[in-house]
Amino acid sequence: MRIVLLCMYIHCFILTGFSQPFVPDIDRSEKTQVLVLATAHLAEIFDNTFDQVWLSSLLDTLERFDPSIIAVEEVPSHILHYMEYDEHCYGFFTEMWPRTRIEMGRELQMILGKSRPEAELMADSLLQAYGDNTIKPEERITLIKYLIAGYDRVTATLQWRYLPESYRSSENIEGLPTNIVNYLNRFANSRNEIASIGIALAQRLNHNTIASIDDHQDADIIIDIFEEFSQKLREHDAFKMFQDLYERYRQEEKEMIDAAITKGALYPLFEHWNSPEYLDLTMEQFKVYFQTDFSNKWDRRRMAQREVRDLNIASNVRRLSAYYPGERILVVIGASHKPFLDAYLAQMVDIEIVHFNTLHK
């Protein structure tokens, strides 16, 4: 018996020690192409003089890429629902960016007499039933109500943009409160890249939905130490050196932004944000966590927290790819996520990473 067990152990060791990664026997053309578009957060660097026309050449290029689905940096509805009810771990997060989503969702849930999961199921059913964009305005408004009640403000805003102007300019839509109408109009015309790139491109391509692939379930890793850690990090020489490097870059970038505004085209900025040189710079911030050498290892904990978030995002993209095998997916996301996502997704057996700067303008 001992000899048999020993042989089995040796056999397993050989298999695990020398096995090669699985390589699917499919042609490159059959792989799912994923383009992770790195972007700065446009609402943070442009003021109210921002003009959607500045993104025209970028949208033209992405339209030629012709993705079957567009994914944006938004927490999926079901994850937000989970986080909403775990205040101990995620209360600080849900009180920030998603607060309005939750409040609008709850308001529509009361009006419709549906829970968030029930509203989501109803919205999915309506989307499948309608199929294309020949939906009557009244039907589309009903769909929008269920989408908001289900916490999907992005697809709701896409559907809102399909409505005739006469509906979007009216504050008296039955069953849709005025505050939500006003919010949809603001978000639909926002310089936020979710709207100005993701939703605008989806409308060009006549898409009915937009996928949300962000994730903040990593928050519990860092929340209990965040303030004290942030303070100690800001005081460390390694961080100060990075800040100096970043400030020099910001001055150079400001000149690029000014030039792009003068020309009325942001395309060169996106070439820059998606260049290897810029992406290398974004990674400098993470190198700091290996230079601070905190005795309590909070720096390593912070690095782990960031990787957990990006692994979760990559998982969400991979989950999305299950529904679009052999097709194209566009992910619009903050630049610092791109190096991680490219590395993680490139390891998937039937995914090919496409880079923005290989597309033809």
Protein backbone atom coordinates (compact mmCIF):
# COMPACT_ATOMS: atom_id res chain seq x y z
CA MET A 1 0.00 0.00 0.00
CA ARG A 2 2.82 2.40 0.88
CA ILE A 3 4.43 1.73 -2.48
CA VAL A 4 1.15 2.43 -4.29
CA LEU A 5 0.65 5.71 -2.40
CA LEU A 6 4.24 6.72 -3.08
CA CYS A 7 3.80 6.04 -6.79
CA MET A 8 0.59 8.07 -6.84
CA TYR A 9 2.35 10.95 -5.04
CA ILE A 10 5.24 10.90 -7.51
CA HIS A 11 2.78 10.76 -10.43
CA CYS A 12 0.87 13.81 -9.13
CA PHE A 13 4.11 15.66 -8.50
CA ILE A 14 5.26 15.04 -12.06
CA LEU A 15 1.93 16.15 -13.50
CA THR A 16 1.72 19.34 -11.45
CA GLY A 17 5.39 20.15 -11.65
CA PHE A 18 5.75 19.86 -15.40
CA SER A 19 2.27 20.45 -16.77
CA GLN A 20 1.85 23.28 -19.26
CA PRO A 21 -0.93 25.89 -19.27
CA PHE A 22 -3.99 24.81 -21.21
CA VAL A 23 -3.92 26.16 -24.76
CA PRO A 24 -7.22 25.90 -26.62
CA ASP A 25 -7.17 24.43 -30.10
CA ILE A 26 -8.93 27.39 -31.72
CA ASP A 27 -7.95 29.89 -34.36
CA ARG A 28 -6.98 33.38 -33.26
CA SER A 29 -9.99 34.74 -35.12
CA GLU A 30 -12.26 32.76 -32.77
CA LYS A 31 -10.91 34.39 -29.61
CA THR A 32 -12.86 37.07 -27.79
CA GLN A 33 -11.11 40.40 -28.30
CA VAL A 34 -11.01 42.68 -25.26
CA LEU A 35 -9.92 46.30 -25.54
CA VAL A 36 -9.28 47.97 -22.18
CA LEU A 37 -9.41 51.70 -22.91
CA ALA A 38 -7.41 53.63 -20.32
CA THR A 39 -8.80 57.05 -19.48
CA ALA A 40 -8.39 59.79 -16.96
CA HIS A 41 -11.56 60.64 -15.06
CA LEU A 42 -12.76 63.39 -17.37
CA ALA A 43 -15.01 65.07 -14.82
CA GLU A 44 -11.94 65.73 -12.66
CA ILE A 45 -9.84 67.45 -15.32
CA PHE A 46 -12.43 69.32 -17.40
CA ASP A 47 -14.88 71.98 -16.25
CA ASN A 48 -18.32 72.92 -17.56
CA THR A 49 -16.81 74.19 -20.82
CA PHE A 50 -16.28 70.54 -21.84
CA ASP A 51 -17.71 69.85 -25.29
CA GLN A 52 -18.82 66.34 -26.33
CA VAL A 53 -17.57 67.16 -29.85
CA TRP A 54 -14.00 66.89 -28.52
CA LEU A 55 -14.51 63.12 -28.32
CA SER A 56 -15.82 62.68 -31.88
CA SER A 57 -12.64 61.24 -33.42
CA LEU A 58 -12.19 58.91 -30.44
CA LEU A 59 -15.76 57.64 -30.77
CA ASP A 60 -15.27 57.23 -34.53
CA THR A 61 -12.29 54.95 -33.90
CA LEU A 62 -14.06 52.94 -31.21
CA GLU A 63 -17.13 52.63 -33.42
CA ARG A 64 -14.96 50.98 -36.08
CA PHE A 65 -13.71 48.54 -33.43
CA ASP A 66 -17.42 47.67 -33.22
CA PRO A 67 -17.69 46.05 -29.78
CA SER A 68 -20.67 43.79 -29.14
CA ILE A 69 -20.87 45.12 -25.58
CA ILE A 70 -19.38 48.09 -23.73
CA ALA A 71 -18.36 47.78 -20.08
CA VAL A 72 -17.78 50.72 -17.76
CA GLU A 73 -16.32 51.46 -14.31
CA GLU A 74 -19.54 51.07 -12.37
CA VAL A 75 -20.32 48.63 -9.56
CA PRO A 76 -22.82 46.00 -10.82
CA SER A 77 -26.30 46.27 -9.39
CA HIS A 78 -26.30 42.97 -7.51
CA ILE A 79 -22.93 43.76 -5.86
CA LEU A 80 -24.14 47.22 -4.81
CA HIS A 81 -27.25 45.57 -3.35
CA TYR A 82 -25.07 43.24 -1.29
CA MET A 83 -22.82 46.08 -0.12
CA GLU A 84 -25.85 48.19 0.78
CA TYR A 85 -26.84 45.75 3.51
CA ASP A 86 -23.37 45.22 4.97
CA GLU A 87 -22.87 48.62 6.57
CA HIS A 88 -20.05 47.43 8.81
CA CYS A 89 -17.75 46.65 5.89
CA TYR A 90 -19.09 48.86 3.12
CA GLY A 91 -21.19 51.61 4.68
CA PHE A 92 -18.52 54.25 4.11
CA PHE A 93 -18.49 53.36 0.40
CA THR A 94 -22.24 53.27 -0.20
CA GLU A 95 -22.51 56.69 1.43
CA MET A 96 -20.29 58.16 -1.31
CA TRP A 97 -20.60 57.64 -5.08
CA PRO A 98 -23.46 55.10 -5.15
CA ARG A 99 -25.65 57.01 -2.67
CA THR A 100 -27.81 58.59 -5.39
CA ARG A 101 -28.22 55.25 -7.20
CA ILE A 102 -29.50 53.68 -4.02
CA GLU A 103 -31.83 56.55 -3.13
CA MET A 104 -33.36 56.72 -6.62
CA GLY A 105 -33.66 52.94 -6.69
CA ARG A 106 -35.49 52.81 -3.38
CA GLU A 107 -37.85 55.56 -4.50
CA LEU A 108 -38.80 53.63 -7.65
CA GLN A 109 -39.06 50.38 -5.70
CA MET A 110 -41.73 52.02 -3.54
CA ILE A 111 -43.60 53.36 -6.58
CA LEU A 112 -43.47 50.04 -8.45
CA GLY A 113 -44.04 47.84 -5.41
CA LYS A 114 -41.01 45.73 -6.34
CA SER A 115 -37.82 44.74 -4.56
CA ARG A 116 -34.50 45.49 -6.24
CA PRO A 117 -34.02 41.87 -7.48
CA GLU A 118 -37.61 41.78 -8.74
CA ALA A 119 -37.11 45.06 -10.60
CA GLU A 120 -33.89 43.76 -12.15
CA LEU A 121 -35.62 40.59 -13.36
CA MET A 122 -38.45 42.67 -14.82
CA ALA A 123 -36.00 44.97 -16.62
CA ASP A 124 -34.17 41.95 -18.07
CA SER A 125 -37.46 40.47 -19.22
CA LEU A 126 -38.49 43.71 -20.92
CA LEU A 127 -35.10 44.06 -22.65
CA GLN A 128 -35.41 40.55 -24.05
CA ALA A 129 -38.99 41.15 -25.13
CA TYR A 130 -38.24 44.41 -26.92
CA GLY A 131 -35.10 43.15 -28.64
CA ASP A 132 -34.29 46.19 -30.74
CA ASN A 133 -34.65 49.93 -30.37
CA THR A 134 -38.07 50.26 -32.00
CA ILE A 135 -39.57 50.61 -28.55
CA LYS A 136 -42.45 52.99 -28.02
CA PRO A 137 -41.57 55.91 -25.71
CA GLU A 138 -44.09 54.78 -23.08
CA GLU A 139 -42.59 51.27 -23.09
CA ARG A 140 -39.09 52.70 -22.80
CA ILE A 141 -40.10 54.83 -19.81
CA THR A 142 -41.47 51.71 -18.10
CA LEU A 143 -38.16 49.96 -18.78
CA ILE A 144 -36.24 52.94 -17.36
CA LYS A 145 -38.28 52.79 -14.15
CA TYR A 146 -37.40 49.14 -13.60
CA LEU A 147 -33.75 49.72 -14.46
CA ILE A 148 -33.44 52.48 -11.89
CA ALA A 149 -35.32 50.42 -9.31
CA GLY A 150 -32.80 47.67 -10.04
CA TYR A 151 -29.85 50.10 -9.47
CA ASP A 152 -28.75 50.12 -13.14
CA ARG A 153 -28.45 53.86 -13.77
CA VAL A 154 -26.10 53.36 -16.76
CA THR A 155 -28.42 51.29 -18.94
CA ALA A 156 -31.31 53.45 -17.72
CA THR A 157 -29.48 56.56 -18.97
CA LEU A 158 -28.74 54.88 -22.32
CA GLN A 159 -32.45 54.15 -22.69
CA TRP A 160 -33.20 57.73 -21.65
CA ARG A 161 -31.03 59.06 -24.47
CA TYR A 162 -33.07 57.05 -26.98
CA LEU A 163 -36.25 58.89 -25.96
CA PRO A 164 -37.48 61.76 -28.17
CA GLU A 165 -36.44 65.20 -26.94
CA SER A 166 -40.06 66.05 -26.11
CA TYR A 167 -40.02 63.38 -23.41
CA ARG A 168 -36.57 64.17 -22.04
CA SER A 169 -37.42 67.86 -21.72
CA SER A 170 -40.64 67.18 -19.82
CA GLU A 171 -40.66 67.11 -16.03
CA ASN A 172 -44.13 65.55 -15.93
CA ILE A 173 -43.68 61.89 -16.79
CA GLU A 174 -46.17 59.63 -15.08
CA GLY A 175 -44.55 57.49 -12.40
CA LEU A 176 -41.10 59.01 -12.87
CA PRO A 177 -40.35 61.63 -10.19
CA THR A 178 -39.02 65.01 -11.29
CA ASN A 179 -35.77 64.59 -9.34
CA ILE A 180 -35.02 61.40 -11.30
CA VAL A 181 -35.89 63.04 -14.62
CA ASN A 182 -33.47 65.87 -13.79
CA TYR A 183 -30.78 63.40 -12.74
CA LEU A 184 -31.10 61.41 -15.96
CA ASN A 185 -30.77 64.57 -18.02
CA ARG A 186 -27.68 65.67 -16.08
CA PHE A 187 -25.98 62.29 -16.25
CA ALA A 188 -26.86 61.77 -19.93
CA ASN A 189 -24.97 64.97 -20.76
CA SER A 190 -22.19 64.53 -18.22
CA ARG A 191 -18.49 64.77 -19.09
CA ASN A 192 -18.02 61.65 -16.95
CA GLU A 193 -16.46 59.05 -19.28
CA ILE A 194 -19.22 56.55 -18.45
CA ALA A 195 -21.65 58.89 -20.22
CA SER A 196 -19.43 60.82 -22.65
CA ILE A 197 -17.71 57.68 -24.00
CA GLY A 198 -19.56 54.54 -22.85
CA ILE A 199 -23.16 55.66 -23.25
CA ALA A 200 -22.45 57.88 -26.27
CA LEU A 201 -20.76 55.00 -28.12
CA ALA A 202 -23.46 52.50 -27.13
CA GLN A 203 -26.06 54.83 -28.64
CA ARG A 204 -24.05 55.10 -31.85
CA LEU A 205 -23.93 51.31 -32.06
CA ASN A 206 -27.62 50.95 -31.20
CA HIS A 207 -26.89 48.85 -28.12
CA ASN A 208 -29.65 48.23 -25.63
CA THR A 209 -27.49 47.63 -22.55
CA ILE A 210 -24.15 48.57 -21.00
CA ALA A 211 -22.28 46.28 -18.62
CA SER A 212 -20.99 47.39 -15.21
CA ILE A 213 -17.74 45.65 -14.21
CA ASP A 214 -16.23 47.65 -11.34
CA ASP A 215 -15.89 46.16 -7.86
CA HIS A 216 -15.28 47.56 -4.39
CA GLN A 217 -15.73 44.43 -2.29
CA ASP A 218 -12.05 44.82 -1.40
CA ALA A 219 -12.95 47.79 0.83
CA ASP A 220 -13.16 45.69 4.00
CA ILE A 221 -9.44 44.87 3.69
CA ILE A 222 -8.36 48.46 4.28
CA ILE A 223 -11.22 50.36 5.92
CA ASP A 224 -10.14 49.83 9.54
CA ILE A 225 -6.64 51.24 8.88
CA PHE A 226 -7.31 53.60 5.98
CA GLU A 227 -7.04 57.00 7.68
CA GLU A 228 -4.00 56.18 9.82
CA PHE A 229 -2.26 54.39 6.96
CA SER A 230 -2.92 57.28 4.55
CA GLN A 231 -1.42 59.74 7.01
CA LYS A 232 1.72 57.67 7.56
CA LEU A 233 2.06 57.11 3.82
CA ARG A 234 1.91 60.85 3.06
CA GLU A 235 4.69 61.43 5.60
CA HIS A 236 7.04 58.85 4.08
CA ASP A 237 9.94 59.96 1.85
CA ALA A 238 9.14 57.33 -0.79
CA PHE A 239 5.66 58.76 -1.23
CA LYS A 240 6.99 62.32 -1.33
CA MET A 241 9.37 61.32 -4.14
CA PHE A 242 6.47 59.83 -6.07
CA GLN A 243 4.46 63.02 -5.49
CA ASP A 244 7.29 65.09 -6.95
CA LEU A 245 7.38 62.81 -9.99
CA TYR A 246 3.62 63.01 -10.36
CA GLU A 247 3.53 66.80 -10.06
CA ARG A 248 6.11 67.13 -12.85
CA TYR A 249 3.97 64.88 -14.98
CA ARG A 250 0.83 66.89 -14.17
CA GLN A 251 2.47 70.05 -15.47
CA GLU A 252 3.36 68.29 -18.72
CA GLU A 253 -0.14 66.81 -18.99
CA LYS A 254 -1.75 70.22 -18.45
CA GLU A 255 0.05 71.47 -21.55
CA MET A 256 -1.25 68.45 -23.49
CA ILE A 257 -4.79 69.06 -22.24
CA ASP A 258 -4.65 72.74 -23.19
CA ALA A 259 -3.40 71.81 -26.68
CA ALA A 260 -6.17 69.23 -27.09
CA ILE A 261 -8.82 71.77 -26.06
CA THR A 262 -7.41 74.34 -28.48
CA LYS A 263 -7.63 71.81 -31.32
CA GLY A 264 -11.04 70.63 -30.14
CA ALA A 265 -10.01 66.97 -30.10
CA LEU A 266 -9.04 64.75 -27.16
CA TYR A 267 -7.77 61.87 -29.30
CA PRO A 268 -4.08 62.65 -28.66
CA LEU A 269 -4.75 62.49 -24.91
CA PHE A 270 -6.16 58.98 -25.25
CA GLU A 271 -3.14 57.95 -27.29
CA HIS A 272 -1.04 59.25 -24.42
CA TRP A 273 -3.10 57.63 -21.63
CA ASN A 274 -2.89 54.28 -23.45
CA SER A 275 0.82 54.46 -24.23
CA PRO A 276 3.30 52.08 -22.50
CA GLU A 277 5.19 55.10 -21.15
CA TYR A 278 2.14 56.54 -19.38
CA LEU A 279 0.98 53.17 -18.07
CA ASP A 280 4.47 52.59 -16.65
CA LEU A 281 4.11 55.91 -14.83
CA THR A 282 0.78 54.85 -13.33
CA MET A 283 2.51 51.79 -11.88
CA GLU A 284 5.01 53.95 -9.97
CA GLN A 285 2.38 54.61 -7.30
CA PHE A 286 2.23 50.90 -6.50
CA LYS A 287 6.00 50.56 -6.27
CA VAL A 288 5.85 52.92 -3.29
CA TYR A 289 4.16 50.18 -1.23
CA PHE A 290 7.35 48.12 -1.50
CA GLN A 291 9.61 51.01 -0.55
CA THR A 292 7.90 52.20 2.64
CA ASP A 293 8.70 49.01 4.60
CA PHE A 294 6.16 49.64 7.38
CA SER A 295 6.75 47.36 10.36
CA ASN A 296 3.02 46.59 10.59
CA LYS A 297 2.95 45.64 6.86
CA TRP A 298 0.04 47.93 6.14
CA ASP A 299 1.74 48.92 2.88
CA ARG A 300 1.60 45.32 1.69
CA ARG A 301 -1.99 45.10 2.84
CA ARG A 302 -2.85 48.16 0.72
CA MET A 303 -1.22 46.55 -2.32
CA ALA A 304 -3.17 43.34 -1.77
CA GLN A 305 -6.38 45.34 -1.49
CA ARG A 306 -5.78 46.98 -4.86
CA GLU A 307 -5.00 43.67 -6.55
CA VAL A 308 -8.15 42.10 -5.10
CA ARG A 309 -10.17 44.89 -6.68
CA ASP A 310 -8.58 44.42 -10.09
CA LEU A 311 -8.87 40.63 -9.89
CA ASN A 312 -12.57 41.08 -9.16
CA ILE A 313 -12.93 43.47 -12.10
CA ALA A 314 -11.10 41.00 -14.35
CA SER A 315 -13.47 38.29 -13.13
CA ASN A 316 -16.45 40.48 -14.03
CA VAL A 317 -15.05 41.04 -17.53
CA ARG A 318 -14.39 37.32 -17.91
CA ARG A 319 -17.95 36.57 -16.78
CA LEU A 320 -19.19 39.05 -19.39
CA SER A 321 -17.11 37.36 -22.09
CA ALA A 322 -19.06 34.13 -21.52
CA TYR A 323 -21.98 35.76 -23.34
CA TYR A 324 -19.88 37.11 -26.23
CA PRO A 325 -17.50 34.31 -27.31
CA GLY A 326 -15.48 35.23 -30.37
CA GLU A 327 -16.82 38.80 -30.35
CA ARG A 328 -15.41 42.14 -29.19
CA ILE A 329 -15.68 43.78 -25.77
CA LEU A 330 -14.71 47.35 -24.91
CA VAL A 331 -13.87 48.20 -21.30
CA VAL A 332 -13.72 51.93 -20.44
CA ILE A 333 -11.84 52.36 -17.17
CA GLY A 334 -9.38 54.48 -15.19
CA ALA A 335 -5.84 54.20 -16.54
CA SER A 336 -4.26 52.69 -13.43
CA HIS A 337 -6.43 49.58 -13.83
CA LYS A 338 -5.32 48.80 -17.39
CA PRO A 339 -1.89 47.19 -16.70
CA PHE A 340 -3.46 44.83 -14.14
CA LEU A 341 -6.47 43.97 -16.30
CA ASP A 342 -4.37 43.38 -19.40
CA ALA A 343 -2.09 41.04 -17.45
CA TYR A 344 -4.93 39.09 -15.82
CA LEU A 345 -7.19 38.83 -18.88
CA ALA A 346 -4.30 37.85 -21.15
CA GLN A 347 -4.07 34.62 -19.15
CA MET A 348 -7.62 33.61 -20.07
CA VAL A 349 -7.58 30.73 -22.51
CA ASP A 350 -9.66 32.24 -25.32
CA ILE A 351 -9.22 35.99 -24.85
CA GLU A 352 -7.00 38.23 -26.95
CA ILE A 353 -6.04 41.67 -25.63
CA VAL A 354 -6.34 44.50 -28.15
CA HIS A 355 -4.56 47.79 -27.49
CA PHE A 356 -6.05 51.15 -28.40
CA ASN A 357 -2.89 52.43 -30.07
CA THR A 358 -3.02 49.53 -32.58
CA LEU A 359 -6.35 50.76 -33.90
CA HIS A 360 -6.35 52.97 -36.95
CA LYS A 361 -7.71 56.45 -36.45
